[in-house]
Amino acid sequence: MNRIGLLLSVLAVTVSSAVFGQGAKNIVISEVMTNNTQSIVDEFGQREAWIELANTSFSTYNVRGMFIATDKSVLQPMSAPERISRMSMIPSGDDRTAIGARKHLVLYCNSNPAKGKLHLAAPVKASEPVWIALYNGNGVELIDSVTVPALAADQSFARHGGRWSVKSAENVTPGISNFIEASESKIDKFKREDPHGFAMAIMAMGIVFTCLATLWIFFTIFGIIMRRFAGKNSQAVGQQTVGVASGEREASVATAEHIDMELYMAVIGMALKQYEDNVHDVESGIITIRPKDTGWDDEYSQMTHFHEAITPTDHSAPRIPTNPQKD
């Protein structure tokens, strides 16, 4: 029974060590500043060199008990207690050492641990290259390390996408992601890159000329196609019209010839019939003129301007004959 309990204890310790070891490997050094003159300040208003740790996993991990080393001699073979004596331990007792998923933690170097749980005595020289390492709580396993080049005041050495680069003072991001996605709109970016509007003018003219050229090409091709269709249709219609016209002309000629022949035959037949019957017009040779009274010499029509107007109701007015001969 005791053997079974011992085996279970060993198994639990092994599994927990593997789990904690796997969790520790998700902690990396994310950003370092060795010469802090205008960057963040600590709880006492002082500016000190700082190291940023990042949790790359999606679960919380507490870095208490892990070590920060700036002395490259710890890479030499030595015992764990001797190596630990040359490093600075991240103390426990502060909730901030529990780094959440995808979160960051800033540790101050060149400081006094008595000032706070995040203050380490690890020496960092300003404006000089420095080697920084992160060790697991056993003081043996190296989790992460980086050699920081000499940096100017307020510059940082930051990791992004597995690559390290120097960031200027205005781009330093302590405690947050090293990559900040800009929210600048396309219009604002265009205004910033083209403040005088030359690119906008060239682009606008290019669009206008491109549209005009496209329309010209389209209508040219369209006109050629329509002319070809119109030529084919007119040719077909012309042939059809010629055929119809020629047919109508032949029909009309035939009809006219047919009518003329019938008329001629009728006239000739009538003439022959009159000749046989001795029928013809008899003229006496006397011209008869019948007189017609036009009234052009009536006195009344010639002398009306000498007569007074006579109303229809005036029965005393003398009656003037209009035609003396007939009266």
Protein backbone atom coordinates (compact mmCIF):
# COMPACT_ATOMS: atom_id res chain seq x y z
CA MET A 1 0.00 0.00 0.00
CA ASN A 2 2.84 2.34 0.86
CA ARG A 3 4.50 1.49 -2.44
CA ILE A 4 1.36 2.44 -4.35
CA GLY A 5 1.13 5.77 -2.53
CA LEU A 6 4.79 6.46 -3.22
CA LEU A 7 4.34 5.72 -6.93
CA LEU A 8 1.33 8.00 -7.12
CA SER A 9 3.23 10.81 -5.37
CA VAL A 10 6.16 10.47 -7.76
CA LEU A 11 3.78 10.45 -10.72
CA ALA A 12 1.98 13.55 -9.46
CA VAL A 13 5.25 15.40 -8.93
CA THR A 14 6.46 14.41 -12.38
CA VAL A 15 3.24 15.48 -14.09
CA SER A 16 3.10 18.76 -12.17
CA SER A 17 6.74 19.48 -12.98
CA ALA A 18 6.08 18.81 -16.66
CA VAL A 19 3.00 21.02 -16.61
CA PHE A 20 4.78 23.86 -14.82
CA GLY A 21 7.82 23.45 -17.05
CA GLN A 22 5.63 23.65 -20.13
CA GLY A 23 3.93 26.76 -18.74
CA ALA A 24 7.28 28.44 -17.97
CA LYS A 25 8.35 28.02 -21.60
CA ASN A 26 5.47 30.28 -22.66
CA ILE A 27 7.10 33.21 -20.82
CA VAL A 28 9.51 35.21 -23.00
CA ILE A 29 11.49 38.42 -22.77
CA SER A 30 9.51 40.85 -24.90
CA GLU A 31 11.11 44.31 -24.60
CA VAL A 32 14.10 45.89 -22.83
CA MET A 33 15.10 49.49 -22.11
CA THR A 34 18.56 50.11 -20.63
CA ASN A 35 18.63 53.93 -20.62
CA ASN A 36 15.37 55.30 -19.27
CA THR A 37 15.20 59.10 -19.15
CA GLN A 38 11.71 59.91 -20.43
CA SER A 39 9.88 56.56 -20.31
CA ILE A 40 7.76 55.06 -17.50
CA VAL A 41 8.37 55.73 -13.80
CA ASP A 42 8.05 53.35 -10.86
CA GLU A 43 5.92 53.77 -7.75
CA PHE A 44 8.40 56.28 -6.39
CA GLY A 45 8.47 58.47 -9.48
CA GLN A 46 11.92 57.27 -10.53
CA ARG A 47 12.96 56.17 -14.03
CA GLU A 48 14.93 52.95 -14.09
CA ALA A 49 15.95 50.36 -16.69
CA TRP A 50 13.20 47.82 -17.23
CA ILE A 51 12.56 44.40 -18.68
CA GLU A 52 9.18 43.34 -20.08
CA LEU A 53 8.05 39.70 -19.87
CA ALA A 54 5.20 38.40 -22.05
CA ASN A 55 2.93 35.38 -21.63
CA THR A 56 2.45 33.89 -25.11
CA SER A 57 -0.07 31.26 -23.97
CA PHE A 58 -3.83 31.48 -23.51
CA SER A 59 -3.70 30.68 -19.79
CA THR A 60 -2.40 32.57 -16.76
CA TYR A 61 1.06 31.73 -15.45
CA ASN A 62 2.75 33.06 -12.28
CA VAL A 63 6.43 33.91 -12.78
CA ARG A 64 7.22 34.14 -9.05
CA GLY A 65 10.34 32.18 -8.16
CA MET A 66 11.84 32.57 -11.68
CA PHE A 67 15.20 34.31 -12.13
CA ILE A 68 16.55 37.21 -14.19
CA ALA A 69 20.27 37.08 -15.00
CA THR A 70 22.45 39.76 -16.56
CA ASP A 71 25.78 38.04 -15.74
CA LYS A 72 26.76 35.86 -18.66
CA SER A 73 28.95 33.74 -16.39
CA VAL A 74 25.89 31.76 -15.36
CA LEU A 75 26.20 29.91 -18.66
CA GLN A 76 29.32 28.18 -17.35
CA PRO A 77 28.98 24.77 -15.69
CA MET A 78 28.28 25.28 -12.01
CA SER A 79 25.93 24.13 -9.33
CA ALA A 80 22.39 25.43 -9.12
CA PRO A 81 22.93 27.28 -5.79
CA GLU A 82 26.00 29.04 -7.20
CA ARG A 83 24.10 30.04 -10.35
CA ILE A 84 21.15 31.28 -8.32
CA SER A 85 23.47 33.45 -6.24
CA ARG A 86 24.45 35.33 -9.41
CA MET A 87 20.83 35.96 -10.49
CA SER A 88 17.87 38.01 -9.22
CA MET A 89 14.74 36.11 -8.23
CA ILE A 90 11.25 37.39 -8.98
CA PRO A 91 9.71 37.37 -5.49
CA SER A 92 6.29 36.07 -4.57
CA GLY A 93 3.57 37.89 -2.71
CA ASP A 94 2.40 40.18 -5.53
CA ASP A 95 -0.62 39.38 -7.70
CA ARG A 96 0.98 41.16 -10.62
CA THR A 97 3.44 38.30 -11.10
CA ALA A 98 0.50 36.16 -12.31
CA ILE A 99 0.65 37.11 -15.99
CA GLY A 100 -2.64 36.58 -17.77
CA ALA A 101 -3.05 35.17 -21.27
CA ARG A 102 -1.31 37.36 -23.83
CA LYS A 103 -0.44 39.88 -21.10
CA HIS A 104 2.80 41.59 -20.08
CA LEU A 105 4.74 42.35 -16.90
CA VAL A 106 7.39 45.05 -16.43
CA LEU A 107 10.30 44.43 -13.99
CA TYR A 108 12.65 47.23 -12.89
CA CYS A 109 16.41 46.58 -12.88
CA ASN A 110 19.30 48.42 -11.13
CA SER A 111 16.86 48.78 -8.26
CA ASN A 112 16.44 47.75 -4.64
CA PRO A 113 14.12 44.76 -4.02
CA ALA A 114 12.99 46.46 -0.84
CA LYS A 115 11.14 49.02 -2.97
CA GLY A 116 8.67 46.44 -4.24
CA LYS A 117 8.08 42.98 -5.59
CA LEU A 118 8.79 44.10 -9.16
CA HIS A 119 12.14 45.70 -8.35
CA LEU A 120 15.23 43.58 -9.03
CA ALA A 121 18.88 44.15 -8.24
CA ALA A 122 19.98 42.79 -11.63
CA PRO A 123 22.63 45.24 -12.91
CA VAL A 124 22.03 46.79 -16.34
CA LYS A 125 24.49 49.31 -17.78
CA ALA A 126 23.00 52.23 -19.71
CA SER A 127 24.18 52.78 -23.27
CA GLU A 128 26.15 49.50 -23.30
CA PRO A 129 25.33 46.06 -24.69
CA VAL A 130 23.88 43.71 -22.10
CA TRP A 131 22.95 40.04 -22.00
CA ILE A 132 19.65 39.23 -20.26
CA ALA A 133 18.35 35.74 -19.47
CA LEU A 134 15.24 34.24 -17.89
CA TYR A 135 15.71 31.05 -15.86
CA ASN A 136 13.12 28.71 -14.44
CA GLY A 137 12.59 28.42 -10.70
CA ASN A 138 15.04 25.52 -10.41
CA GLY A 139 17.89 27.82 -11.43
CA VAL A 140 19.01 25.34 -14.06
CA GLU A 141 16.64 25.55 -17.05
CA LEU A 142 17.21 28.52 -19.35
CA ILE A 143 13.82 29.71 -20.62
CA ASP A 144 14.79 32.69 -22.80
CA SER A 145 17.72 35.05 -23.39
CA VAL A 146 18.62 38.04 -25.57
CA THR A 147 21.67 40.23 -26.16
CA VAL A 148 20.56 43.85 -26.16
CA PRO A 149 22.74 46.23 -28.20
CA ALA A 150 23.82 49.65 -26.95
CA LEU A 151 20.73 51.83 -26.99
CA ALA A 152 20.33 55.59 -27.07
CA ALA A 153 18.27 57.33 -24.42
CA ASP A 154 14.67 56.07 -24.27
CA GLN A 155 15.13 53.55 -27.06
CA SER A 156 14.05 49.96 -26.53
CA PHE A 157 14.94 46.60 -27.97
CA ALA A 158 11.67 44.77 -28.75
CA ARG A 159 10.55 41.42 -30.11
CA HIS A 160 7.85 41.12 -32.72
CA GLY A 161 7.04 37.99 -34.67
CA GLY A 162 10.17 36.26 -33.42
CA ARG A 163 12.45 39.07 -34.59
CA TRP A 164 14.12 41.78 -32.53
CA SER A 165 14.48 45.44 -33.52
CA VAL A 166 15.32 48.80 -32.00
CA LYS A 167 12.31 51.03 -31.39
CA SER A 168 12.44 54.80 -31.17
CA ALA A 169 11.30 56.63 -28.04
CA GLU A 170 7.85 57.47 -29.47
CA ASN A 171 7.21 53.81 -30.39
CA VAL A 172 8.18 52.22 -27.06
CA THR A 173 5.34 50.10 -25.62
CA PRO A 174 6.02 49.01 -22.02
CA GLY A 175 3.36 46.73 -20.57
CA ILE A 176 1.45 46.26 -23.85
CA SER A 177 1.88 44.52 -27.19
CA ASN A 178 4.90 45.64 -29.16
CA PHE A 179 2.84 45.85 -32.33
CA ILE A 180 0.02 48.39 -32.34
CA GLU A 181 -2.30 48.29 -35.33
CA ALA A 182 -2.86 51.78 -36.63
CA SER A 183 -6.47 52.89 -36.94
CA GLU A 184 -5.66 55.46 -39.61
CA SER A 185 -8.20 55.46 -42.40
CA LYS A 186 -7.27 55.29 -46.06
CA ILE A 187 -8.39 58.88 -46.58
CA ASP A 188 -6.23 60.16 -43.73
CA LYS A 189 -3.28 58.15 -44.99
CA PHE A 190 -3.76 59.57 -48.50
CA LYS A 191 -3.89 63.10 -47.11
CA ARG A 192 -0.75 62.50 -45.11
CA GLU A 193 1.17 61.06 -48.04
CA ASP A 194 -0.13 63.63 -50.56
CA PRO A 195 -0.55 66.94 -48.68
CA HIS A 196 -0.49 69.12 -51.84
CA GLY A 197 -2.90 67.01 -53.89
CA PHE A 198 -0.57 66.32 -56.84
CA ALA A 199 -1.19 62.60 -56.75
CA MET A 200 -4.95 63.20 -56.50
CA ALA A 201 -4.91 65.49 -59.56
CA ILE A 202 -2.87 63.03 -61.61
CA MET A 203 -5.09 60.14 -60.58
CA ALA A 204 -8.27 62.10 -61.40
CA MET A 205 -7.00 63.10 -64.85
CA GLY A 206 -5.87 59.55 -65.48
CA ILE A 207 -9.32 58.22 -64.62
CA VAL A 208 -11.03 60.78 -66.89
CA PHE A 209 -8.76 60.09 -69.86
CA THR A 210 -9.05 56.36 -69.34
CA CYS A 211 -12.84 56.59 -69.37
CA LEU A 212 -12.83 58.75 -72.50
CA ALA A 213 -10.45 56.38 -74.27
CA THR A 214 -12.59 53.42 -73.29
CA LEU A 215 -15.74 55.12 -74.60
CA TRP A 216 -14.00 56.04 -77.87
CA ILE A 217 -12.82 52.48 -78.41
CA PHE A 218 -16.25 51.09 -77.54
CA PHE A 219 -18.20 53.38 -79.87
CA THR A 220 -15.65 52.94 -82.67
CA ILE A 221 -15.97 49.17 -82.55
CA PHE A 222 -19.76 49.47 -82.14
CA GLY A 223 -19.97 51.73 -85.20
CA ILE A 224 -17.92 49.33 -87.32
CA ILE A 225 -20.14 46.42 -86.31
CA MET A 226 -23.35 48.38 -86.97
CA ARG A 227 -22.10 49.54 -90.37
CA ARG A 228 -21.37 45.98 -91.34
CA PHE A 229 -24.83 44.84 -90.23
CA ALA A 230 -26.45 47.80 -92.01
CA GLY A 231 -24.54 47.01 -95.22
CA LYS A 232 -25.62 43.40 -95.16
CA ASN A 233 -29.25 44.33 -94.44
CA SER A 234 -29.35 47.03 -97.15
CA GLN A 235 -27.83 44.64 -99.66
CA ALA A 236 -30.41 41.99 -98.85
CA VAL A 237 -33.24 44.54 -98.92
CA GLY A 238 -31.94 45.96 -102.20
CA GLN A 239 -31.86 42.57 -103.81
CA GLN A 240 -35.35 41.86 -102.54
CA THR A 241 -36.58 45.28 -103.71
CA VAL A 242 -35.01 44.83 -107.12
CA GLY A 243 -36.65 41.47 -107.42
CA VAL A 244 -40.03 42.82 -106.34
CA ALA A 245 -39.74 45.92 -108.55
CA SER A 246 -38.72 43.94 -111.57
CA GLY A 247 -41.60 41.54 -110.95
CA GLU A 248 -44.09 44.38 -110.54
CA ARG A 249 -42.79 46.12 -113.62
CA GLU A 250 -43.12 42.97 -115.69
CA ALA A 251 -46.61 42.40 -114.28
CA SER A 252 -47.64 45.99 -114.99
CA VAL A 253 -46.25 45.83 -118.52
CA ALA A 254 -48.06 42.59 -119.13
CA THR A 255 -51.29 44.04 -117.70
CA ALA A 256 -50.96 47.21 -119.78
CA GLU A 257 -50.33 45.22 -122.89
CA HIS A 258 -53.28 43.03 -122.10
CA ILE A 259 -55.59 46.05 -121.50
CA ASP A 260 -54.38 47.86 -124.62
CA MET A 261 -55.05 44.86 -126.80
CA GLU A 262 -58.58 44.50 -125.48
CA LEU A 263 -59.26 48.23 -125.94
CA TYR A 264 -57.93 48.24 -129.44
CA MET A 265 -59.97 45.20 -130.35
CA ALA A 266 -63.14 46.76 -128.90
CA VAL A 267 -62.62 50.04 -130.77
CA ILE A 268 -61.91 48.27 -134.01
CA GLY A 269 -64.91 46.02 -133.50
CA MET A 270 -67.21 49.02 -132.81
CA ALA A 271 -65.89 50.85 -135.85
CA LEU A 272 -66.53 47.86 -138.03
CA LYS A 273 -70.05 47.50 -136.60
CA GLN A 274 -70.88 51.17 -137.32
CA TYR A 275 -69.47 50.85 -140.76
CA GLU A 276 -71.60 47.82 -141.49
CA ASP A 277 -74.73 49.46 -140.08
CA ASN A 278 -73.99 52.74 -141.89
CA VAL A 279 -74.26 54.60 -138.62
CA HIS A 280 -72.49 57.95 -138.36
CA ASP A 281 -73.05 61.54 -137.23
CA VAL A 282 -74.93 63.84 -139.67
CA GLU A 283 -73.97 67.48 -139.52
CA SER A 284 -76.26 70.17 -141.14
CA GLY A 285 -73.46 72.65 -141.53
CA ILE A 286 -75.61 75.34 -139.73
CA ILE A 287 -74.27 77.06 -136.64
CA THR A 288 -77.10 77.96 -134.22
CA ILE A 289 -76.56 80.83 -131.77
CA ARG A 290 -79.10 81.24 -129.04
CA PRO A 291 -79.32 84.74 -127.44
CA LYS A 292 -78.76 85.06 -123.70
CA ASP A 293 -79.67 88.11 -121.63
CA THR A 294 -76.83 88.99 -119.25
CA GLY A 295 -78.23 92.30 -118.00
CA TRP A 296 -75.03 94.19 -118.58
CA ASP A 297 -76.86 97.23 -119.96
CA ASP A 298 -79.50 97.63 -117.24
CA GLU A 299 -80.03 101.19 -116.20
CA TYR A 300 -80.40 100.29 -112.58
CA SER A 301 -77.03 98.50 -112.42
CA GLN A 302 -75.32 101.43 -114.11
CA MET A 303 -77.03 104.31 -112.24
CA THR A 304 -77.21 103.01 -108.72
CA HIS A 305 -74.99 105.80 -107.40
CA PHE A 306 -77.72 108.32 -108.39
CA HIS A 307 -80.50 106.58 -106.48
CA GLU A 308 -81.27 106.78 -102.82
CA ALA A 309 -81.34 103.68 -100.78
CA ILE A 310 -84.82 102.23 -100.62
CA THR A 311 -85.80 100.21 -97.64
CA PRO A 312 -87.90 97.07 -98.09
CA THR A 313 -90.79 98.62 -96.09
CA ASP A 314 -91.07 101.75 -98.23
CA HIS A 315 -93.99 100.88 -100.54
CA SER A 316 -94.25 104.44 -101.96
CA ALA A 317 -90.95 104.22 -103.76
CA PRO A 318 -91.33 103.75 -107.50
CA ARG A 319 -90.37 100.41 -108.91
CA ILE A 320 -87.50 100.57 -111.32
CA PRO A 321 -87.66 97.87 -113.90
CA THR A 322 -84.52 95.77 -114.10
CA ASN A 323 -85.21 94.60 -117.59
CA PRO A 324 -87.15 97.02 -119.74
CA GLN A 325 -87.38 94.64 -122.64
CA LYS A 326 -89.07 91.95 -120.59
CA ASP A 327 -91.37 94.39 -118.81
